[in-house]
Amino acid sequence: MKEFLLALLEWLGLAYWVEIKTDYPRCTYYFGPFWSNAEAETARSGYLDDVQAEGAQGVKCEIKRCKPSNLTVFDEKEEFNPFTPVNALRSEAF
């Protein structure tokens, strides 16, 4: 019965999710759904540890009620820049 109610909350967008945003790579991860804020809070540290163990930087975490359409959102345009500037050495001899 609890699974049915959780599925209903998720469908309505009222389930709790752990949202983790990272600056590098620029991603948003959603973990859940959870029945309550307390349940999501309990699971939060494990998800943070996993993301940080992967080398993510600039990690921010929030527990919210939402209905994510994707569990991982990767901002490709922020990650790939084929024209990365290169610092050139200049000779002072001239």
Protein backbone atom coordinates (compact mmCIF):
# COMPACT_ATOMS: atom_id res chain seq x y z
CA MET A 1 0.00 0.00 0.00
CA LYS A 2 2.88 2.35 0.82
CA GLU A 3 4.34 1.87 -2.69
CA PHE A 4 1.01 2.83 -4.23
CA LEU A 5 0.78 5.99 -2.14
CA LEU A 6 4.39 6.90 -2.96
CA ALA A 7 3.67 6.40 -6.67
CA LEU A 8 0.62 8.65 -6.32
CA LEU A 9 2.67 11.35 -4.57
CA GLU A 10 5.30 11.07 -7.30
CA TRP A 11 2.68 11.36 -10.05
CA LEU A 12 1.22 14.46 -8.37
CA GLY A 13 4.67 16.01 -7.92
CA LEU A 14 4.36 15.87 -4.12
CA ALA A 15 7.04 13.27 -3.40
CA TYR A 16 10.33 14.44 -1.87
CA TRP A 17 13.53 14.29 -3.90
CA VAL A 18 17.18 14.97 -3.14
CA GLU A 19 18.43 17.42 -5.78
CA ILE A 20 22.20 17.68 -6.14
CA LYS A 21 23.69 20.32 -8.45
CA THR A 22 27.38 20.41 -9.34
CA ASP A 23 29.45 23.16 -10.95
CA TYR A 24 31.86 20.68 -12.53
CA PRO A 25 30.65 18.73 -14.28
CA ARG A 26 27.63 21.02 -14.65
CA CYS A 27 24.94 18.50 -13.74
CA THR A 28 21.76 18.16 -11.74
CA TYR A 29 21.01 14.80 -10.17
CA TYR A 30 17.70 13.73 -8.64
CA PHE A 31 17.47 10.90 -6.09
CA GLY A 32 14.14 9.62 -4.88
CA PRO A 33 11.24 9.58 -4.62
CA PHE A 34 10.84 9.68 -0.85
CA TRP A 35 7.75 9.54 1.29
CA SER A 36 8.84 12.31 3.65
CA ASN A 37 11.36 15.09 4.09
CA ALA A 38 12.90 13.13 6.99
CA GLU A 39 13.36 10.03 4.81
CA ALA A 40 15.07 12.11 2.08
CA GLU A 41 17.25 13.82 4.70
CA THR A 42 18.42 10.43 5.99
CA ALA A 43 19.46 9.30 2.48
CA ARG A 44 21.02 12.64 1.50
CA SER A 45 24.52 12.09 2.93
CA GLY A 46 25.01 8.84 1.02
CA TYR A 47 24.16 10.51 -2.27
CA LEU A 48 26.44 13.46 -1.51
CA ASP A 49 29.30 11.07 -0.69
CA ASP A 50 28.80 9.23 -4.00
CA VAL A 51 28.80 12.41 -6.09
CA GLN A 52 31.87 13.81 -4.31
CA ALA A 53 33.70 10.48 -4.64
CA GLU A 54 33.26 10.81 -8.42
CA GLY A 55 35.24 14.08 -8.27
CA ALA A 56 32.38 16.55 -8.66
CA GLN A 57 33.15 20.14 -7.62
CA GLY A 58 30.89 22.92 -6.38
CA VAL A 59 28.29 20.54 -4.94
CA LYS A 60 24.99 21.98 -3.68
CA CYS A 61 22.19 19.88 -2.23
CA GLU A 62 18.52 20.58 -1.60
CA ILE A 63 15.54 18.47 -0.61
CA LYS A 64 12.41 19.48 -2.47
CA ARG A 65 9.03 18.36 -3.63
CA CYS A 66 9.11 18.11 -7.40
CA LYS A 67 8.46 15.88 -10.37
CA PRO A 68 11.73 15.58 -12.30
CA SER A 69 11.38 14.51 -15.91
CA ASN A 70 15.01 13.27 -15.99
CA LEU A 71 17.04 11.90 -13.09
CA THR A 72 20.31 13.32 -14.47
CA VAL A 73 20.50 16.61 -16.37
CA PHE A 74 23.87 17.32 -18.00
CA ASP A 75 24.50 20.81 -19.39
CA GLU A 76 26.57 19.91 -22.46
CA LYS A 77 27.02 23.44 -23.76
CA GLU A 78 28.83 24.41 -20.56
CA GLU A 79 31.18 21.43 -20.72
CA PHE A 80 32.41 21.46 -24.31
CA ASN A 81 34.20 24.44 -25.78
CA PRO A 82 36.32 23.59 -28.83
CA PHE A 83 37.88 27.08 -28.77
CA THR A 84 39.51 27.02 -25.38
CA PRO A 85 42.00 29.90 -25.20
CA VAL A 86 45.65 28.93 -24.92
CA ASN A 87 48.19 31.08 -23.12
CA ALA A 88 51.08 31.68 -25.52
CA LEU A 89 54.62 32.36 -24.43
CA ARG A 90 55.92 35.73 -25.50
CA SER A 91 59.56 36.47 -26.01
CA GLU A 92 60.83 39.70 -24.51
CA ALA A 93 63.96 39.56 -26.75
CA PHE A 94 62.43 41.57 -29.57
